[in-house]
Amino acid sequence: MRVMVMVKATKNSEAGVMPSEKLLADMGKFNEELVKAGIMKAGEGLHPSSKGKRVRFSGGKKTVVDGPFSETKELVAGFWIWQVKSMDEALEWVRRCPDPMPGEESEIEVRPVFEAEDFGDEFTPELRAQEERLRAKIERGS
């Protein structure tokens, strides 16, 4: 199963406080372990929400909203995509993760990524074929 592992934002991450050299080294080591184990498929840190935008959809209209966004605890500061056998395995890896926000209370959220079989009959053979073509293009980088 694939999971998205989200490092939640804190006041410091939203203020643009950069991680220390030690934290970068510790996270680099952790990422190396994830890659060696065949778990990590992607992972990145995100700029503060002040540099972001949201698009709100309502009644057929689309409105762009500039950051920063309130409710820091609901924002994401970074993420990984992992391929794991189970949610339990994902949680074992998260327990090994260095504290992503030293000196602040922080949180990491783990959520399963939908797979084709999760959509049932609504995901027709034609839609499945389209999805497979798109994934192949992404993997080739074209």
C-alpha atoms as a PDB file:
ATOM      1  CA  MET A   1       0.000   0.000   0.000  1.00  0.00           C
ATOM      2  CA  ARG A   2       1.059   3.546  -0.634  1.00  0.00           C
ATOM      3  CA  VAL A   3       0.779   6.132   2.109  1.00  0.00           C
ATOM      4  CA  MET A   4       1.302   9.858   2.275  1.00  0.00           C
ATOM      5  CA  VAL A   5       3.227  10.851   5.376  1.00  0.00           C
ATOM      6  CA  MET A   6       2.680  14.511   6.213  1.00  0.00           C
ATOM      7  CA  VAL A   7       4.812  16.561   8.575  1.00  0.00           C
ATOM      8  CA  LYS A   8       2.478  19.135  10.082  1.00  0.00           C
ATOM      9  CA  ALA A   9       3.507  22.787  10.151  1.00  0.00           C
ATOM     10  CA  THR A  10       4.370  24.666  13.325  1.00  0.00           C
ATOM     11  CA  LYS A  11       4.718  28.351  14.186  1.00  0.00           C
ATOM     12  CA  ASN A  12       8.443  28.161  13.379  1.00  0.00           C
ATOM     13  CA  SER A  13       8.012  26.393  10.040  1.00  0.00           C
ATOM     14  CA  GLU A  14       5.316  28.910   9.060  1.00  0.00           C
ATOM     15  CA  ALA A  15       7.667  31.731  10.106  1.00  0.00           C
ATOM     16  CA  GLY A  16      10.260  30.362   7.657  1.00  0.00           C
ATOM     17  CA  VAL A  17      12.687  29.143  10.343  1.00  0.00           C
ATOM     18  CA  MET A  18      15.027  26.781   8.514  1.00  0.00           C
ATOM     19  CA  PRO A  19      16.074  23.429   9.997  1.00  0.00           C
ATOM     20  CA  SER A  20      19.462  23.116  11.655  1.00  0.00           C
ATOM     21  CA  GLU A  21      22.385  21.368   9.978  1.00  0.00           C
ATOM     22  CA  LYS A  22      21.968  18.527  12.509  1.00  0.00           C
ATOM     23  CA  LEU A  23      18.294  18.056  11.657  1.00  0.00           C
ATOM     24  CA  LEU A  24      19.070  18.113   7.926  1.00  0.00           C
ATOM     25  CA  ALA A  25      21.770  15.470   8.495  1.00  0.00           C
ATOM     26  CA  ASP A  26      19.474  13.345  10.690  1.00  0.00           C
ATOM     27  CA  MET A  27      16.650  13.543   8.143  1.00  0.00           C
ATOM     28  CA  GLY A  28      19.095  12.735   5.339  1.00  0.00           C
ATOM     29  CA  LYS A  29      20.185   9.613   7.209  1.00  0.00           C
ATOM     30  CA  PHE A  30      16.557   8.620   7.837  1.00  0.00           C
ATOM     31  CA  ASN A  31      15.723   9.160   4.148  1.00  0.00           C
ATOM     32  CA  GLU A  32      18.699   6.966   3.181  1.00  0.00           C
ATOM     33  CA  GLU A  33      17.298   4.191   5.394  1.00  0.00           C
ATOM     34  CA  LEU A  34      13.882   4.575   3.755  1.00  0.00           C
ATOM     35  CA  VAL A  35      15.391   4.394   0.258  1.00  0.00           C
ATOM     36  CA  LYS A  36      17.576   1.368   1.113  1.00  0.00           C
ATOM     37  CA  ALA A  37      14.481  -0.412   2.451  1.00  0.00           C
ATOM     38  CA  GLY A  38      12.576   0.374  -0.762  1.00  0.00           C
ATOM     39  CA  ILE A  39       9.990   2.396   1.188  1.00  0.00           C
ATOM     40  CA  MET A  40      10.478   6.000   0.021  1.00  0.00           C
ATOM     41  CA  LYS A  41       9.040   6.958  -3.365  1.00  0.00           C
ATOM     42  CA  ALA A  42       9.090  10.749  -2.919  1.00  0.00           C
ATOM     43  CA  GLY A  43       9.607  13.341  -0.235  1.00  0.00           C
ATOM     44  CA  GLU A  44      10.017  17.089   0.035  1.00  0.00           C
ATOM     45  CA  GLY A  45       9.805  19.988   2.453  1.00  0.00           C
ATOM     46  CA  LEU A  46       7.404  22.822   1.696  1.00  0.00           C
ATOM     47  CA  HIS A  47       7.806  26.588   1.938  1.00  0.00           C
ATOM     48  CA  PRO A  48       5.560  28.368   4.464  1.00  0.00           C
ATOM     49  CA  SER A  49       1.942  28.967   3.464  1.00  0.00           C
ATOM     50  CA  SER A  50       2.742  32.687   3.082  1.00  0.00           C
ATOM     51  CA  LYS A  51       4.317  31.724  -0.243  1.00  0.00           C
ATOM     52  CA  GLY A  52       1.339  29.604  -1.257  1.00  0.00           C
ATOM     53  CA  LYS A  53      -2.026  30.096  -2.852  1.00  0.00           C
ATOM     54  CA  ARG A  54      -5.335  28.274  -2.662  1.00  0.00           C
ATOM     55  CA  VAL A  55      -8.048  28.051  -5.266  1.00  0.00           C
ATOM     56  CA  ARG A  56     -11.545  27.993  -3.774  1.00  0.00           C
ATOM     57  CA  PHE A  57     -14.275  26.330  -5.858  1.00  0.00           C
ATOM     58  CA  SER A  58     -17.816  27.465  -5.117  1.00  0.00           C
ATOM     59  CA  GLY A  59     -20.921  27.577  -7.289  1.00  0.00           C
ATOM     60  CA  GLY A  60     -18.918  27.122 -10.477  1.00  0.00           C
ATOM     61  CA  LYS A  61     -16.576  29.999  -9.597  1.00  0.00           C
ATOM     62  CA  LYS A  62     -12.890  29.723  -8.819  1.00  0.00           C
ATOM     63  CA  THR A  63     -11.305  32.254  -6.483  1.00  0.00           C
ATOM     64  CA  VAL A  64      -7.581  32.519  -5.745  1.00  0.00           C
ATOM     65  CA  VAL A  65      -6.716  33.087  -2.082  1.00  0.00           C
ATOM     66  CA  ASP A  66      -3.208  34.215  -1.137  1.00  0.00           C
ATOM     67  CA  GLY A  67      -1.390  32.747   1.875  1.00  0.00           C
ATOM     68  CA  PRO A  68      -0.575  32.793   4.681  1.00  0.00           C
ATOM     69  CA  PHE A  69      -3.331  30.524   5.909  1.00  0.00           C
ATOM     70  CA  SER A  70      -4.582  30.347   9.482  1.00  0.00           C
ATOM     71  CA  GLU A  71      -4.773  27.201  11.615  1.00  0.00           C
ATOM     72  CA  THR A  72      -1.082  26.316  11.488  1.00  0.00           C
ATOM     73  CA  LYS A  73      -1.764  22.884  12.992  1.00  0.00           C
ATOM     74  CA  GLU A  74      -3.748  21.968   9.861  1.00  0.00           C
ATOM     75  CA  LEU A  75      -0.994  22.962   7.404  1.00  0.00           C
ATOM     76  CA  VAL A  76       1.641  20.651   5.940  1.00  0.00           C
ATOM     77  CA  ALA A  77       5.358  21.535   6.151  1.00  0.00           C
ATOM     78  CA  GLY A  78       6.650  18.507   4.259  1.00  0.00           C
ATOM     79  CA  PHE A  79       5.704  15.065   2.988  1.00  0.00           C
ATOM     80  CA  TRP A  80       6.818  11.632   1.882  1.00  0.00           C
ATOM     81  CA  ILE A  81       5.156   9.028  -0.315  1.00  0.00           C
ATOM     82  CA  TRP A  82       5.991   5.552   0.987  1.00  0.00           C
ATOM     83  CA  GLN A  83       5.295   2.056  -0.310  1.00  0.00           C
ATOM     84  CA  VAL A  84       4.662  -0.153   2.726  1.00  0.00           C
ATOM     85  CA  LYS A  85       3.044  -3.503   3.488  1.00  0.00           C
ATOM     86  CA  SER A  86       0.630  -2.062   6.034  1.00  0.00           C
ATOM     87  CA  MET A  87      -0.284   0.942   8.147  1.00  0.00           C
ATOM     88  CA  ASP A  88       1.551  -0.755  11.021  1.00  0.00           C
ATOM     89  CA  GLU A  89       4.763  -0.792   8.982  1.00  0.00           C
ATOM     90  CA  ALA A  90       4.313   2.903   8.138  1.00  0.00           C
ATOM     91  CA  LEU A  91       3.868   3.690  11.837  1.00  0.00           C
ATOM     92  CA  GLU A  92       7.017   1.706  12.698  1.00  0.00           C
ATOM     93  CA  TRP A  93       8.959   3.928  10.282  1.00  0.00           C
ATOM     94  CA  VAL A  94       7.400   7.138  11.634  1.00  0.00           C
ATOM     95  CA  ARG A  95       8.449   6.110  15.157  1.00  0.00           C
ATOM     96  CA  ARG A  96      12.048   5.988  13.870  1.00  0.00           C
ATOM     97  CA  CYS A  97      11.823   9.463  12.299  1.00  0.00           C
ATOM     98  CA  PRO A  98      13.852  12.265  13.862  1.00  0.00           C
ATOM     99  CA  ASP A  99      11.709  14.925  15.551  1.00  0.00           C
ATOM    100  CA  PRO A 100      10.879  17.142  12.554  1.00  0.00           C
ATOM    101  CA  MET A 101      10.323  20.267  14.655  1.00  0.00           C
ATOM    102  CA  PRO A 102      12.727  20.196  17.626  1.00  0.00           C
ATOM    103  CA  GLY A 103      11.706  22.500  20.454  1.00  0.00           C
ATOM    104  CA  GLU A 104       8.069  22.601  19.348  1.00  0.00           C
ATOM    105  CA  GLU A 105       5.230  20.144  19.653  1.00  0.00           C
ATOM    106  CA  SER A 106       4.916  18.529  16.253  1.00  0.00           C
ATOM    107  CA  GLU A 107       2.870  15.901  14.502  1.00  0.00           C
ATOM    108  CA  ILE A 108       3.196  13.532  11.565  1.00  0.00           C
ATOM    109  CA  GLU A 109       0.028  12.265   9.863  1.00  0.00           C
ATOM    110  CA  VAL A 110      -0.088   9.054   7.813  1.00  0.00           C
ATOM    111  CA  ARG A 111      -2.881   8.433   5.302  1.00  0.00           C
ATOM    112  CA  PRO A 112      -3.398   5.713   2.703  1.00  0.00           C
ATOM    113  CA  VAL A 113      -3.315   6.742  -0.941  1.00  0.00           C
ATOM    114  CA  PHE A 114      -6.270   5.535  -3.020  1.00  0.00           C
ATOM    115  CA  GLU A 115      -5.475   2.649  -5.357  1.00  0.00           C
ATOM    116  CA  ALA A 116      -7.441   1.781  -8.505  1.00  0.00           C
ATOM    117  CA  GLU A 117      -9.340  -1.065  -6.804  1.00  0.00           C
ATOM    118  CA  ASP A 118     -10.649   1.342  -4.155  1.00  0.00           C
ATOM    119  CA  PHE A 119     -12.912   3.020  -6.744  1.00  0.00           C
ATOM    120  CA  GLY A 120     -14.928  -0.072  -7.713  1.00  0.00           C
ATOM    121  CA  ASP A 121     -16.978  -0.216 -10.902  1.00  0.00           C
ATOM    122  CA  GLU A 122     -16.893   3.584 -11.340  1.00  0.00           C
ATOM    123  CA  PHE A 123     -13.250   3.219 -12.387  1.00  0.00           C
ATOM    124  CA  THR A 124     -13.985   1.737 -15.820  1.00  0.00           C
ATOM    125  CA  PRO A 125     -11.460  -0.219 -17.909  1.00  0.00           C
ATOM    126  CA  GLU A 126     -11.017   2.916 -20.055  1.00  0.00           C
ATOM    127  CA  LEU A 127     -10.245   5.047 -17.020  1.00  0.00           C
ATOM    128  CA  ARG A 128      -7.834   2.382 -15.717  1.00  0.00           C
ATOM    129  CA  ALA A 129      -6.024   2.344 -19.073  1.00  0.00           C
ATOM    130  CA  GLN A 130      -5.774   6.136 -19.027  1.00  0.00           C
ATOM    131  CA  GLU A 131      -4.354   6.040 -15.481  1.00  0.00           C
ATOM    132  CA  GLU A 132      -1.757   3.422 -16.489  1.00  0.00           C
ATOM    133  CA  ARG A 133      -0.709   5.520 -19.524  1.00  0.00           C
ATOM    134  CA  LEU A 134      -0.310   8.614 -17.345  1.00  0.00           C
ATOM    135  CA  ARG A 135       1.720   6.750 -14.702  1.00  0.00           C
ATOM    136  CA  ALA A 136       4.004   5.347 -17.396  1.00  0.00           C
ATOM    137  CA  LYS A 137       4.554   8.848 -18.824  1.00  0.00           C
ATOM    138  CA  ILE A 138       5.340  10.214 -15.375  1.00  0.00           C
ATOM    139  CA  GLU A 139       7.868   7.446 -14.719  1.00  0.00           C
ATOM    140  CA  ARG A 140       9.548   8.110 -18.092  1.00  0.00           C
ATOM    141  CA  GLY A 141       9.645  11.809 -17.325  1.00  0.00           C
ATOM    142  CA  SER A 142       7.739  12.787 -20.466  1.00  0.00           C
END
